[in-house]
Every structure is written in C-alpha cells, then in structure tokens.
N, C-alpha and C. Protein backbone atom coordinates (compact mmCIF):
# COMPACT_ATOMS: atom_id res chain seq x y z
N MET A 1 -3.18 -11.15 -3.25
CA MET A 1 -2.99 -10.31 -2.08
C MET A 1 -4.31 -9.68 -1.62
N LYS A 2 -5.18 -9.33 -2.55
CA LYS A 2 -6.46 -8.75 -2.18
C LYS A 2 -7.28 -9.73 -1.33
N LEU A 3 -7.24 -11.02 -1.71
CA LEU A 3 -7.97 -12.03 -0.95
C LEU A 3 -7.40 -12.15 0.45
N ALA A 4 -6.07 -12.16 0.56
CA ALA A 4 -5.44 -12.27 1.87
C ALA A 4 -5.79 -11.07 2.75
N THR A 5 -5.79 -9.88 2.17
CA THR A 5 -6.13 -8.67 2.92
C THR A 5 -7.57 -8.74 3.43
N ALA A 6 -8.46 -9.24 2.58
CA ALA A 6 -9.87 -9.37 2.99
C ALA A 6 -10.03 -10.42 4.09
N MET A 7 -9.34 -11.56 3.96
CA MET A 7 -9.48 -12.63 4.94
C MET A 7 -8.89 -12.24 6.29
N ALA A 8 -7.92 -11.34 6.31
CA ALA A 8 -7.28 -10.93 7.57
C ALA A 8 -8.19 -10.04 8.42
N ALA A 9 -9.37 -9.73 7.91
CA ALA A 9 -10.25 -8.78 8.59
C ALA A 9 -11.12 -9.39 9.68
N THR A 10 -11.24 -10.72 9.73
CA THR A 10 -12.09 -11.35 10.74
C THR A 10 -11.36 -12.52 11.40
N PRO A 11 -11.66 -12.80 12.66
CA PRO A 11 -10.98 -13.90 13.35
C PRO A 11 -11.15 -15.25 12.64
N GLU A 12 -12.38 -15.53 12.17
CA GLU A 12 -12.65 -16.83 11.55
C GLU A 12 -11.83 -17.01 10.27
N GLN A 13 -11.87 -16.02 9.39
CA GLN A 13 -11.15 -16.14 8.14
C GLN A 13 -9.64 -16.03 8.33
N SER A 14 -9.21 -15.32 9.37
CA SER A 14 -7.78 -15.21 9.64
C SER A 14 -7.18 -16.56 9.98
N SER A 15 -7.92 -17.37 10.70
CA SER A 15 -7.42 -18.72 11.02
C SER A 15 -7.21 -19.53 9.75
N GLN A 16 -8.14 -19.42 8.81
CA GLN A 16 -7.99 -20.10 7.52
C GLN A 16 -6.81 -19.54 6.74
N LEU A 17 -6.67 -18.22 6.77
CA LEU A 17 -5.57 -17.58 6.05
C LEU A 17 -4.22 -18.08 6.54
N LEU A 18 -4.07 -18.22 7.84
CA LEU A 18 -2.81 -18.69 8.40
C LEU A 18 -2.49 -20.13 7.98
N LYS A 19 -3.52 -20.90 7.68
CA LYS A 19 -3.31 -22.28 7.22
C LYS A 19 -2.95 -22.33 5.74
N LEU A 20 -3.47 -21.40 4.95
CA LEU A 20 -3.39 -21.51 3.49
C LEU A 20 -2.32 -20.63 2.84
N ALA A 21 -2.07 -19.46 3.39
CA ALA A 21 -1.22 -18.49 2.71
C ALA A 21 0.26 -18.77 2.94
N PRO A 22 1.11 -18.52 1.95
CA PRO A 22 2.56 -18.66 2.14
C PRO A 22 3.08 -17.56 3.07
N PRO A 23 4.20 -17.80 3.73
CA PRO A 23 4.74 -16.83 4.69
C PRO A 23 4.92 -15.43 4.11
N ARG A 24 5.38 -15.30 2.86
CA ARG A 24 5.65 -13.99 2.29
C ARG A 24 4.36 -13.17 2.17
N VAL A 25 3.24 -13.83 1.88
CA VAL A 25 1.96 -13.12 1.82
C VAL A 25 1.57 -12.62 3.20
N LEU A 26 1.75 -13.48 4.21
CA LEU A 26 1.40 -13.10 5.57
C LEU A 26 2.27 -11.97 6.09
N ALA A 27 3.49 -11.83 5.54
CA ALA A 27 4.41 -10.80 5.99
C ALA A 27 4.15 -9.45 5.33
N ASP A 28 3.24 -9.40 4.37
CA ASP A 28 2.90 -8.11 3.78
C ASP A 28 2.43 -7.16 4.88
N PRO A 29 2.89 -5.90 4.88
CA PRO A 29 2.56 -4.99 5.99
C PRO A 29 1.07 -4.84 6.26
N VAL A 30 0.25 -4.81 5.21
CA VAL A 30 -1.19 -4.63 5.41
C VAL A 30 -1.81 -5.89 6.01
N VAL A 31 -1.42 -7.05 5.50
CA VAL A 31 -1.94 -8.31 6.03
C VAL A 31 -1.50 -8.48 7.49
N THR A 32 -0.21 -8.28 7.74
CA THR A 32 0.30 -8.38 9.12
C THR A 32 -0.40 -7.39 10.04
N GLY A 33 -0.56 -6.16 9.56
CA GLY A 33 -1.20 -5.14 10.39
C GLY A 33 -2.62 -5.50 10.78
N LYS A 34 -3.37 -6.03 9.83
CA LYS A 34 -4.74 -6.44 10.14
C LYS A 34 -4.77 -7.61 11.12
N LEU A 35 -3.91 -8.59 10.89
CA LEU A 35 -3.88 -9.76 11.78
C LEU A 35 -3.51 -9.35 13.20
N GLN A 36 -2.54 -8.45 13.33
CA GLN A 36 -2.13 -8.01 14.66
C GLN A 36 -3.21 -7.15 15.32
N ALA A 37 -3.93 -6.38 14.50
CA ALA A 37 -4.98 -5.51 15.03
C ALA A 37 -6.15 -6.31 15.60
N LEU A 38 -6.30 -7.56 15.19
CA LEU A 38 -7.34 -8.40 15.78
C LEU A 38 -7.11 -8.59 17.28
N ASN A 39 -5.82 -8.47 17.67
CA ASN A 39 -5.46 -8.55 19.09
C ASN A 39 -5.89 -9.86 19.72
N LEU A 40 -5.64 -10.95 18.96
CA LEU A 40 -5.95 -12.30 19.45
C LEU A 40 -4.63 -13.05 19.63
N ALA A 41 -4.36 -13.50 20.84
CA ALA A 41 -3.06 -14.08 21.18
C ALA A 41 -2.69 -15.23 20.26
N ASP A 42 -3.64 -16.11 19.95
CA ASP A 42 -3.33 -17.28 19.12
C ASP A 42 -2.97 -16.88 17.70
N ILE A 43 -3.71 -15.92 17.15
CA ILE A 43 -3.43 -15.44 15.79
C ILE A 43 -2.05 -14.79 15.74
N THR A 44 -1.75 -13.94 16.72
CA THR A 44 -0.46 -13.26 16.75
C THR A 44 0.68 -14.24 16.90
N ARG A 45 0.51 -15.25 17.76
CA ARG A 45 1.56 -16.25 17.97
C ARG A 45 1.82 -17.05 16.72
N ARG A 46 0.76 -17.49 16.05
CA ARG A 46 0.92 -18.29 14.84
C ARG A 46 1.53 -17.47 13.71
N LEU A 47 1.14 -16.21 13.61
CA LEU A 47 1.73 -15.33 12.59
C LEU A 47 3.23 -15.20 12.81
N ASP A 48 3.63 -15.00 14.06
CA ASP A 48 5.06 -14.87 14.37
C ASP A 48 5.81 -16.16 14.05
N GLU A 49 5.24 -17.29 14.37
CA GLU A 49 5.89 -18.58 14.09
C GLU A 49 6.10 -18.79 12.60
N ILE A 50 5.10 -18.42 11.80
CA ILE A 50 5.16 -18.66 10.36
C ILE A 50 6.13 -17.72 9.66
N THR A 51 6.19 -16.48 10.11
CA THR A 51 6.99 -15.48 9.39
C THR A 51 8.36 -15.23 10.00
N ARG A 52 8.66 -15.86 11.13
CA ARG A 52 9.89 -15.57 11.87
C ARG A 52 11.15 -15.79 11.04
N ALA A 53 11.17 -16.81 10.20
CA ALA A 53 12.38 -17.15 9.46
C ALA A 53 12.57 -16.33 8.18
N LEU A 54 11.60 -15.52 7.84
CA LEU A 54 11.72 -14.71 6.62
C LEU A 54 12.76 -13.62 6.79
N PRO A 55 13.46 -13.27 5.71
CA PRO A 55 14.37 -12.12 5.80
C PRO A 55 13.55 -10.84 5.95
N PRO A 56 14.15 -9.76 6.42
CA PRO A 56 13.42 -8.50 6.54
C PRO A 56 12.79 -8.10 5.22
N VAL A 57 11.65 -7.40 5.29
CA VAL A 57 10.94 -7.00 4.08
C VAL A 57 11.83 -6.20 3.14
N ASN A 58 12.72 -5.37 3.72
CA ASN A 58 13.55 -4.50 2.89
C ASN A 58 14.87 -5.14 2.48
N ALA A 59 15.08 -6.44 2.82
CA ALA A 59 16.32 -7.10 2.44
C ALA A 59 16.45 -7.13 0.91
N GLY A 60 17.55 -6.61 0.41
CA GLY A 60 17.78 -6.59 -1.03
C GLY A 60 17.06 -5.49 -1.78
N LEU A 61 16.28 -4.68 -1.05
CA LEU A 61 15.47 -3.66 -1.72
C LEU A 61 16.33 -2.57 -2.34
N ASP A 62 17.37 -2.14 -1.64
CA ASP A 62 18.25 -1.11 -2.19
C ASP A 62 18.93 -1.59 -3.47
N GLU A 63 19.31 -2.85 -3.48
CA GLU A 63 19.96 -3.41 -4.68
C GLU A 63 18.98 -3.46 -5.84
N MET A 64 17.73 -3.81 -5.55
CA MET A 64 16.71 -3.84 -6.60
C MET A 64 16.44 -2.44 -7.15
N LEU A 65 16.38 -1.45 -6.26
CA LEU A 65 16.16 -0.08 -6.71
C LEU A 65 17.30 0.39 -7.60
N LYS A 66 18.53 0.05 -7.22
CA LYS A 66 19.69 0.43 -8.03
C LYS A 66 19.62 -0.22 -9.40
N SER A 67 19.21 -1.49 -9.44
CA SER A 67 19.11 -2.21 -10.71
C SER A 67 18.04 -1.59 -11.62
N ARG A 68 16.89 -1.23 -11.04
CA ARG A 68 15.82 -0.64 -11.86
C ARG A 68 16.21 0.76 -12.35
N LEU A 69 16.97 1.51 -11.54
CA LEU A 69 17.44 2.83 -11.98
C LEU A 69 18.43 2.69 -13.14
N THR A 70 19.31 1.71 -13.04
CA THR A 70 20.26 1.46 -14.12
C THR A 70 19.53 1.08 -15.40
N ALA A 71 18.51 0.22 -15.29
CA ALA A 71 17.73 -0.20 -16.45
C ALA A 71 17.03 0.99 -17.09
N PHE A 72 16.51 1.91 -16.26
CA PHE A 72 15.82 3.08 -16.80
C PHE A 72 16.80 4.01 -17.51
N THR A 73 17.95 4.22 -16.90
CA THR A 73 18.96 5.10 -17.49
C THR A 73 19.42 4.56 -18.84
N ARG A 74 19.50 3.24 -18.95
CA ARG A 74 19.98 2.60 -20.17
C ARG A 74 18.90 2.54 -21.24
N GLU A 75 17.67 2.26 -20.86
CA GLU A 75 16.63 1.95 -21.85
C GLU A 75 15.56 3.03 -21.99
N ARG A 76 15.42 3.91 -20.97
CA ARG A 76 14.38 4.93 -20.96
C ARG A 76 12.99 4.32 -21.16
N GLY A 77 12.00 5.16 -21.51
CA GLY A 77 10.65 4.63 -21.61
C GLY A 77 9.79 5.43 -22.57
N ASN A 78 8.54 5.02 -22.68
CA ASN A 78 7.57 5.65 -23.57
C ASN A 78 6.51 6.34 -22.72
N ALA A 79 6.48 7.69 -22.78
CA ALA A 79 5.59 8.45 -21.91
C ALA A 79 4.12 8.17 -22.18
N ALA A 80 3.76 7.96 -23.45
CA ALA A 80 2.35 7.68 -23.77
C ALA A 80 1.91 6.36 -23.14
N ALA A 81 2.77 5.35 -23.23
CA ALA A 81 2.46 4.07 -22.59
C ALA A 81 2.43 4.23 -21.08
N GLY A 82 3.31 5.09 -20.56
CA GLY A 82 3.36 5.34 -19.13
C GLY A 82 2.10 6.00 -18.60
N GLU A 83 1.50 6.88 -19.42
CA GLU A 83 0.25 7.52 -19.00
C GLU A 83 -0.86 6.48 -18.85
N GLN A 84 -0.91 5.52 -19.75
CA GLN A 84 -1.90 4.45 -19.64
C GLN A 84 -1.67 3.61 -18.38
N LEU A 85 -0.41 3.35 -18.08
CA LEU A 85 -0.09 2.59 -16.87
C LEU A 85 -0.49 3.37 -15.62
N PHE A 86 -0.31 4.68 -15.66
CA PHE A 86 -0.71 5.50 -14.53
C PHE A 86 -2.22 5.41 -14.31
N GLN A 87 -2.97 5.51 -15.40
CA GLN A 87 -4.43 5.45 -15.28
C GLN A 87 -4.88 4.09 -14.75
N THR A 88 -4.19 3.03 -15.13
CA THR A 88 -4.57 1.68 -14.72
C THR A 88 -4.16 1.37 -13.28
N ASN A 89 -2.95 1.79 -12.91
CA ASN A 89 -2.38 1.35 -11.63
C ASN A 89 -2.34 2.40 -10.53
N CYS A 90 -2.41 3.67 -10.89
CA CYS A 90 -2.17 4.72 -9.91
C CYS A 90 -3.34 5.67 -9.70
N ALA A 91 -4.14 5.90 -10.76
CA ALA A 91 -5.17 6.93 -10.71
C ALA A 91 -6.30 6.61 -9.75
N VAL A 92 -6.40 5.36 -9.31
CA VAL A 92 -7.44 5.01 -8.34
C VAL A 92 -7.22 5.77 -7.02
N CYS A 93 -5.97 6.17 -6.75
CA CYS A 93 -5.66 6.88 -5.51
C CYS A 93 -4.98 8.24 -5.73
N HIS A 94 -4.35 8.43 -6.90
CA HIS A 94 -3.58 9.66 -7.13
C HIS A 94 -4.14 10.44 -8.31
N ARG A 95 -3.94 11.75 -8.25
CA ARG A 95 -4.41 12.63 -9.32
C ARG A 95 -3.27 13.48 -9.86
N ILE A 96 -3.24 13.61 -11.19
CA ILE A 96 -2.37 14.57 -11.86
C ILE A 96 -3.29 15.47 -12.67
N GLY A 97 -3.23 16.76 -12.40
CA GLY A 97 -4.17 17.67 -13.05
C GLY A 97 -5.58 17.38 -12.57
N VAL A 98 -6.45 17.01 -13.50
CA VAL A 98 -7.83 16.69 -13.12
C VAL A 98 -8.13 15.20 -13.31
N LYS A 99 -7.10 14.42 -13.63
CA LYS A 99 -7.29 12.99 -13.87
C LYS A 99 -6.88 12.19 -12.64
N GLY A 100 -7.77 11.32 -12.17
CA GLY A 100 -7.47 10.47 -11.04
C GLY A 100 -8.27 10.86 -9.82
N ASN A 101 -7.95 10.20 -8.68
CA ASN A 101 -8.66 10.42 -7.43
C ASN A 101 -7.72 10.94 -6.35
N LEU A 102 -8.27 11.65 -5.40
CA LEU A 102 -7.47 12.24 -4.33
C LEU A 102 -7.61 11.43 -3.04
N VAL A 103 -7.15 10.19 -3.08
CA VAL A 103 -7.03 9.39 -1.86
C VAL A 103 -5.63 9.60 -1.30
N GLY A 104 -4.61 9.36 -2.13
CA GLY A 104 -3.23 9.67 -1.79
C GLY A 104 -2.90 11.09 -2.23
N PRO A 105 -1.62 11.47 -2.16
CA PRO A 105 -1.21 12.83 -2.50
C PRO A 105 -1.48 13.20 -3.96
N GLN A 106 -1.79 14.48 -4.21
CA GLN A 106 -1.84 15.03 -5.56
C GLN A 106 -0.42 15.00 -6.11
N LEU A 107 -0.28 14.61 -7.39
CA LEU A 107 1.06 14.39 -7.95
C LEU A 107 1.47 15.43 -8.98
N ASP A 108 0.82 16.57 -9.04
CA ASP A 108 1.29 17.64 -9.92
C ASP A 108 2.72 18.01 -9.54
N GLY A 109 3.58 18.14 -10.54
CA GLY A 109 4.97 18.52 -10.31
C GLY A 109 5.86 17.42 -9.80
N ILE A 110 5.37 16.18 -9.82
CA ILE A 110 6.13 15.08 -9.24
C ILE A 110 7.43 14.79 -9.99
N GLY A 111 7.50 15.18 -11.27
CA GLY A 111 8.70 14.93 -12.06
C GLY A 111 9.93 15.61 -11.50
N ALA A 112 9.75 16.67 -10.71
CA ALA A 112 10.89 17.38 -10.14
C ALA A 112 11.64 16.53 -9.12
N ARG A 113 11.06 15.43 -8.67
CA ARG A 113 11.73 14.58 -7.69
C ARG A 113 12.90 13.81 -8.30
N GLY A 114 12.87 13.59 -9.61
CA GLY A 114 13.93 12.83 -10.25
C GLY A 114 13.67 11.33 -10.22
N ALA A 115 14.37 10.61 -11.08
CA ALA A 115 14.10 9.17 -11.27
C ALA A 115 14.39 8.35 -10.01
N GLU A 116 15.47 8.65 -9.32
CA GLU A 116 15.84 7.83 -8.15
C GLU A 116 14.79 7.94 -7.05
N ARG A 117 14.36 9.17 -6.74
CA ARG A 117 13.34 9.36 -5.70
C ARG A 117 12.01 8.75 -6.12
N LEU A 118 11.65 8.88 -7.40
CA LEU A 118 10.39 8.30 -7.87
C LEU A 118 10.40 6.78 -7.73
N LEU A 119 11.52 6.16 -8.04
CA LEU A 119 11.61 4.71 -7.88
C LEU A 119 11.40 4.31 -6.42
N GLU A 120 11.98 5.06 -5.50
CA GLU A 120 11.77 4.77 -4.09
C GLU A 120 10.29 4.91 -3.73
N ASP A 121 9.66 5.97 -4.21
CA ASP A 121 8.25 6.20 -3.90
C ASP A 121 7.36 5.07 -4.41
N ILE A 122 7.68 4.55 -5.60
CA ILE A 122 6.85 3.53 -6.23
C ILE A 122 7.12 2.14 -5.66
N LEU A 123 8.39 1.79 -5.51
CA LEU A 123 8.75 0.42 -5.17
C LEU A 123 8.97 0.19 -3.67
N ASP A 124 9.13 1.27 -2.92
CA ASP A 124 9.31 1.14 -1.47
C ASP A 124 8.46 2.19 -0.77
N PRO A 125 7.14 2.08 -0.89
CA PRO A 125 6.24 3.14 -0.41
C PRO A 125 6.25 3.34 1.10
N ASN A 126 6.80 2.38 1.85
CA ASN A 126 6.82 2.52 3.31
C ASN A 126 8.11 3.13 3.83
N ARG A 127 8.99 3.57 2.93
CA ARG A 127 10.29 4.10 3.35
C ARG A 127 10.16 5.40 4.15
N ALA A 128 9.33 6.30 3.67
CA ALA A 128 9.17 7.59 4.35
C ALA A 128 7.73 8.05 4.14
N VAL A 129 6.85 7.68 5.08
CA VAL A 129 5.43 7.94 4.91
C VAL A 129 5.04 9.22 5.65
N ASP A 130 4.46 10.17 4.92
CA ASP A 130 3.93 11.38 5.54
C ASP A 130 2.86 10.98 6.56
N PRO A 131 2.91 11.54 7.76
CA PRO A 131 1.90 11.17 8.78
C PRO A 131 0.46 11.32 8.31
N ALA A 132 0.22 12.25 7.38
CA ALA A 132 -1.15 12.45 6.90
C ALA A 132 -1.63 11.30 6.04
N PHE A 133 -0.71 10.43 5.60
CA PHE A 133 -1.08 9.34 4.70
C PHE A 133 -0.72 7.97 5.28
N ARG A 134 -0.64 7.90 6.60
CA ARG A 134 -0.38 6.61 7.25
C ARG A 134 -1.67 5.83 7.40
N MET A 135 -1.56 4.53 7.22
CA MET A 135 -2.72 3.65 7.27
C MET A 135 -3.16 3.41 8.71
N HIS A 136 -4.47 3.33 8.90
CA HIS A 136 -5.06 3.00 10.20
C HIS A 136 -5.61 1.58 10.15
N PHE A 137 -5.44 0.88 11.27
CA PHE A 137 -6.08 -0.42 11.44
C PHE A 137 -7.10 -0.27 12.56
N VAL A 138 -8.36 -0.40 12.19
CA VAL A 138 -9.46 -0.15 13.12
C VAL A 138 -10.11 -1.47 13.52
N LYS A 139 -10.02 -1.79 14.81
CA LYS A 139 -10.72 -2.97 15.32
C LYS A 139 -12.10 -2.54 15.78
N LYS A 140 -13.12 -3.19 15.23
CA LYS A 140 -14.49 -2.86 15.59
C LYS A 140 -14.97 -3.74 16.75
N ARG A 141 -16.02 -3.29 17.38
CA ARG A 141 -16.53 -4.01 18.56
C ARG A 141 -17.10 -5.38 18.20
N ASP A 142 -17.41 -5.59 16.91
CA ASP A 142 -17.88 -6.91 16.50
C ASP A 142 -16.73 -7.87 16.22
N GLY A 143 -15.48 -7.40 16.41
CA GLY A 143 -14.31 -8.26 16.24
C GLY A 143 -13.62 -8.11 14.90
N GLY A 144 -14.27 -7.50 13.91
CA GLY A 144 -13.67 -7.32 12.60
C GLY A 144 -12.66 -6.18 12.58
N VAL A 145 -11.81 -6.17 11.53
CA VAL A 145 -10.78 -5.15 11.38
C VAL A 145 -10.91 -4.49 10.01
N LEU A 146 -10.79 -3.17 9.99
CA LEU A 146 -10.78 -2.40 8.75
C LEU A 146 -9.43 -1.73 8.64
N GLY A 147 -8.81 -1.80 7.47
CA GLY A 147 -7.56 -1.11 7.20
C GLY A 147 -7.78 -0.03 6.17
N GLY A 148 -7.37 1.19 6.45
CA GLY A 148 -7.56 2.24 5.48
C GLY A 148 -6.97 3.56 5.92
N LEU A 149 -7.04 4.53 5.03
CA LEU A 149 -6.55 5.88 5.28
C LEU A 149 -7.69 6.72 5.85
N LEU A 150 -7.44 7.37 6.98
CA LEU A 150 -8.47 8.22 7.57
C LEU A 150 -8.67 9.45 6.70
N ARG A 151 -9.89 9.59 6.18
CA ARG A 151 -10.19 10.69 5.27
C ARG A 151 -10.80 11.88 5.99
N ARG A 152 -11.77 11.62 6.84
CA ARG A 152 -12.44 12.73 7.52
C ARG A 152 -13.35 12.20 8.62
N GLU A 153 -13.76 13.14 9.46
CA GLU A 153 -14.75 12.86 10.49
C GLU A 153 -16.07 13.46 10.04
N GLN A 154 -17.13 12.69 10.16
CA GLN A 154 -18.44 13.13 9.67
C GLN A 154 -19.51 12.77 10.69
N ASP A 155 -19.96 13.77 11.43
CA ASP A 155 -20.94 13.55 12.49
C ASP A 155 -20.43 12.51 13.48
N ASP A 156 -21.12 11.39 13.60
CA ASP A 156 -20.72 10.36 14.56
C ASP A 156 -19.91 9.25 13.91
N GLN A 157 -19.34 9.52 12.72
CA GLN A 157 -18.62 8.50 11.97
C GLN A 157 -17.21 8.97 11.60
N LEU A 158 -16.33 7.99 11.39
CA LEU A 158 -15.04 8.23 10.77
C LEU A 158 -15.06 7.57 9.39
N ILE A 159 -14.55 8.28 8.40
CA ILE A 159 -14.56 7.79 7.02
C ILE A 159 -13.14 7.38 6.64
N PHE A 160 -12.99 6.13 6.22
CA PHE A 160 -11.70 5.59 5.81
C PHE A 160 -11.75 5.19 4.33
N ALA A 161 -10.62 5.31 3.65
CA ALA A 161 -10.52 4.87 2.26
C ALA A 161 -9.58 3.68 2.18
N ASP A 162 -9.97 2.66 1.38
CA ASP A 162 -9.11 1.49 1.22
C ASP A 162 -8.22 1.65 -0.01
N ALA A 163 -7.40 0.62 -0.29
CA ALA A 163 -6.43 0.70 -1.39
C ALA A 163 -7.08 0.74 -2.76
N ALA A 164 -8.38 0.43 -2.84
CA ALA A 164 -9.10 0.52 -4.11
C ALA A 164 -9.78 1.88 -4.26
N GLY A 165 -9.55 2.79 -3.29
CA GLY A 165 -10.15 4.11 -3.35
C GLY A 165 -11.57 4.17 -2.86
N GLN A 166 -12.08 3.06 -2.32
CA GLN A 166 -13.45 3.01 -1.82
C GLN A 166 -13.51 3.51 -0.38
N GLU A 167 -14.54 4.29 -0.07
CA GLU A 167 -14.69 4.83 1.27
C GLU A 167 -15.58 3.93 2.13
N HIS A 168 -15.23 3.84 3.41
CA HIS A 168 -15.98 3.03 4.36
C HIS A 168 -16.25 3.88 5.60
N ALA A 169 -17.49 3.97 6.01
CA ALA A 169 -17.88 4.73 7.19
C ALA A 169 -18.01 3.80 8.38
N VAL A 170 -17.42 4.19 9.49
CA VAL A 170 -17.50 3.41 10.72
C VAL A 170 -17.98 4.33 11.84
N LYS A 171 -19.04 3.94 12.51
CA LYS A 171 -19.52 4.74 13.63
C LYS A 171 -18.49 4.73 14.76
N LYS A 172 -18.26 5.89 15.34
CA LYS A 172 -17.28 5.98 16.43
C LYS A 172 -17.63 5.02 17.56
N ALA A 173 -18.91 4.85 17.81
CA ALA A 173 -19.34 3.97 18.89
C ALA A 173 -19.02 2.51 18.61
N ASP A 174 -18.78 2.17 17.32
CA ASP A 174 -18.49 0.79 16.94
C ASP A 174 -16.99 0.48 16.94
N ILE A 175 -16.17 1.48 17.26
CA ILE A 175 -14.72 1.31 17.21
C ILE A 175 -14.19 0.92 18.59
N ALA A 176 -13.54 -0.24 18.64
CA ALA A 176 -12.91 -0.68 19.89
C ALA A 176 -11.51 -0.11 20.01
N GLU A 177 -10.80 -0.02 18.88
CA GLU A 177 -9.43 0.48 18.89
C GLU A 177 -9.06 1.00 17.51
N ASP A 178 -8.36 2.12 17.46
CA ASP A 178 -7.90 2.71 16.20
C ASP A 178 -6.39 2.87 16.29
N GLN A 179 -5.66 2.04 15.52
CA GLN A 179 -4.20 2.07 15.56
C GLN A 179 -3.66 2.74 14.29
N GLU A 180 -2.88 3.80 14.47
CA GLU A 180 -2.19 4.40 13.32
C GLU A 180 -0.89 3.64 13.10
N SER A 181 -0.68 3.16 11.88
CA SER A 181 0.50 2.36 11.58
C SER A 181 1.58 3.24 10.94
N PRO A 182 2.79 2.70 10.77
CA PRO A 182 3.83 3.44 10.04
C PRO A 182 3.76 3.20 8.54
N TYR A 183 2.73 2.46 8.09
CA TYR A 183 2.67 2.03 6.70
C TYR A 183 1.82 2.95 5.82
N SER A 184 2.17 2.93 4.55
CA SER A 184 1.39 3.64 3.54
C SER A 184 0.26 2.75 3.05
N LEU A 185 -0.81 3.39 2.56
CA LEU A 185 -1.90 2.63 1.93
C LEU A 185 -1.44 2.05 0.60
N MET A 186 -0.42 2.65 0.01
CA MET A 186 0.09 2.20 -1.28
C MET A 186 0.70 0.80 -1.14
N PRO A 187 0.33 -0.13 -2.01
CA PRO A 187 0.78 -1.52 -1.84
C PRO A 187 2.25 -1.73 -2.17
N MET A 188 2.83 -2.71 -1.51
CA MET A 188 4.16 -3.21 -1.89
C MET A 188 3.98 -4.12 -3.12
N GLY A 189 5.10 -4.52 -3.71
CA GLY A 189 5.05 -5.50 -4.79
C GLY A 189 4.84 -4.93 -6.17
N LEU A 190 4.92 -3.59 -6.33
CA LEU A 190 4.72 -3.02 -7.67
C LEU A 190 5.89 -3.34 -8.60
N ASN A 191 7.00 -3.79 -8.03
CA ASN A 191 8.11 -4.22 -8.88
C ASN A 191 7.70 -5.39 -9.78
N GLU A 192 6.80 -6.23 -9.27
CA GLU A 192 6.32 -7.36 -10.08
C GLU A 192 5.22 -6.92 -11.04
N VAL A 193 4.35 -6.01 -10.59
CA VAL A 193 3.28 -5.52 -11.45
C VAL A 193 3.85 -4.72 -12.62
N LEU A 194 4.87 -3.92 -12.33
CA LEU A 194 5.49 -3.05 -13.33
C LEU A 194 6.83 -3.64 -13.75
N ALA A 195 6.80 -4.86 -14.24
CA ALA A 195 8.02 -5.56 -14.63
C ALA A 195 8.59 -4.98 -15.92
N GLY A 196 9.91 -5.10 -16.06
CA GLY A 196 10.57 -4.74 -17.30
C GLY A 196 10.31 -3.32 -17.76
N GLN A 197 9.93 -3.19 -19.03
CA GLN A 197 9.78 -1.89 -19.65
C GLN A 197 8.62 -1.08 -19.07
N ALA A 198 7.66 -1.74 -18.45
CA ALA A 198 6.49 -1.03 -17.92
C ALA A 198 6.90 0.04 -16.91
N LEU A 199 7.82 -0.27 -16.02
CA LEU A 199 8.26 0.72 -15.04
C LEU A 199 8.99 1.87 -15.71
N ASN A 200 9.79 1.57 -16.73
CA ASN A 200 10.47 2.64 -17.47
C ASN A 200 9.47 3.58 -18.11
N ASP A 201 8.40 3.03 -18.66
CA ASP A 201 7.37 3.85 -19.29
C ASP A 201 6.69 4.76 -18.26
N LEU A 202 6.34 4.20 -17.10
CA LEU A 202 5.69 5.00 -16.07
C LEU A 202 6.62 6.11 -15.58
N LEU A 203 7.89 5.80 -15.39
CA LEU A 203 8.84 6.82 -14.96
C LEU A 203 8.95 7.94 -15.99
N GLU A 204 8.99 7.58 -17.26
CA GLU A 204 9.10 8.59 -18.32
C GLU A 204 7.92 9.55 -18.27
N TYR A 205 6.74 9.01 -18.05
CA TYR A 205 5.54 9.85 -17.96
C TYR A 205 5.60 10.75 -16.72
N LEU A 206 5.95 10.19 -15.58
CA LEU A 206 5.97 10.97 -14.34
C LEU A 206 7.04 12.05 -14.35
N LEU A 207 8.20 11.74 -14.92
CA LEU A 207 9.29 12.71 -14.95
C LEU A 207 8.95 13.94 -15.80
N ALA A 208 8.03 13.76 -16.75
CA ALA A 208 7.61 14.89 -17.59
C ALA A 208 6.61 15.80 -16.87
N ARG A 209 6.10 15.36 -15.72
CA ARG A 209 5.11 16.16 -14.97
C ARG A 209 5.83 17.04 -13.97
N LYS A 210 6.40 18.14 -14.43
CA LYS A 210 7.21 19.00 -13.60
C LYS A 210 6.51 20.30 -13.19
N SER A 211 5.24 20.42 -13.54
CA SER A 211 4.52 21.63 -13.14
C SER A 211 3.04 21.30 -12.97
C-alpha cells in the first residue's frame, strides 16, 4: 500500500499504478484521493472503470467489528504485548503519556471509550473523523500531489504530516489546489496487520489507559 500511495502522487506513475494495482488497492481512500486530486480526466475515468464493480468499502465492516469484539470478550489479551504493538504500529502518530508522536490525537484516557468504540477507532478510522484530523490532498503547480494532515502554517509555507509521521513543507505559491477530504490519515486495513490475538493484546493495553 505504501508503494501505491507513493505512485499515486504523480501523473506518470499513476498511469503505471492503474495498470498494475488490483482494484481493492486502488479503492483505498488515500490512493483514490490522490488519484482524484490529480484532476486528470483520463486518470479519473480509468479509476472509476476499474473500481466500479467493487462493493462499498464498508460492506461487511460492521459484521467484522462484531466478530472481533466477540473474540476479545472471549479471549481477552496481554497488556504487555499490547504495549509493544502500540509502539510498533501506533506511536509513529499517537502519544500516550510521553511516549509516541503528536501527529494524531493524544490518547491519554482512551481506555474510557470501551472496547467497542476502540475497535471502531482502530478498524474503521474513517467512520467519524474530527475535522482537525482530516487528510488534505494538495495538488502542486508542478502536477504532483501530496496527501497529509495539515499541521501548521509557517511563514510562506504550509506544513503537512504523512502517515509515517514525517513532515513536508509546501510553499503556498506552489499550491494549485488544497482539498480537505473526509478521510483520516490513519490507514485502513489494520484488521489484517493486527490479526488474531494481536488486536486483543492492543485492546487490553489501551483499555487500561483510563487516565
């Protein structure tokens, strides 16, 4: 997915991406957002043709969330293992206490949300996105596209952060269009990354963070 996201940033590589990537990869919100932000009729048309037959992104999502909640209730998890998973998968953008980075929201007290809400936050990050954390797709005057979270304005530049927590400065004069999307910077597909017991472990750790 990282390669597809990178290739969607330029017209030349986007054409190759449309030839090589499977429809489900192209339907990822970040990949789709970047391709659409290029604002090239041929790219948009081909993207629509390739992904048109796919079921909606959220098809079956509620059933999957219910299944993972049932698995957690039945099997629980290991908080120590969950802390390691947090550091590996989440701390690049989130902070608990003094550990991690502040790209996404600070997560102190997140355990008060309960297991069901946490599962939604982790596995369906685009369900309810706070406007302050919506992703921007910036088309530059050279034709390239940057996707990221708007962090701040600095002199004649806007500073954006990507999903790896890296900041990118873009001069305002170099921006052709800045589109705020309904999507979160947080990636979809964590159900596969946190398969089986791994998600239970992460939930156990997060649920203990109630203050």
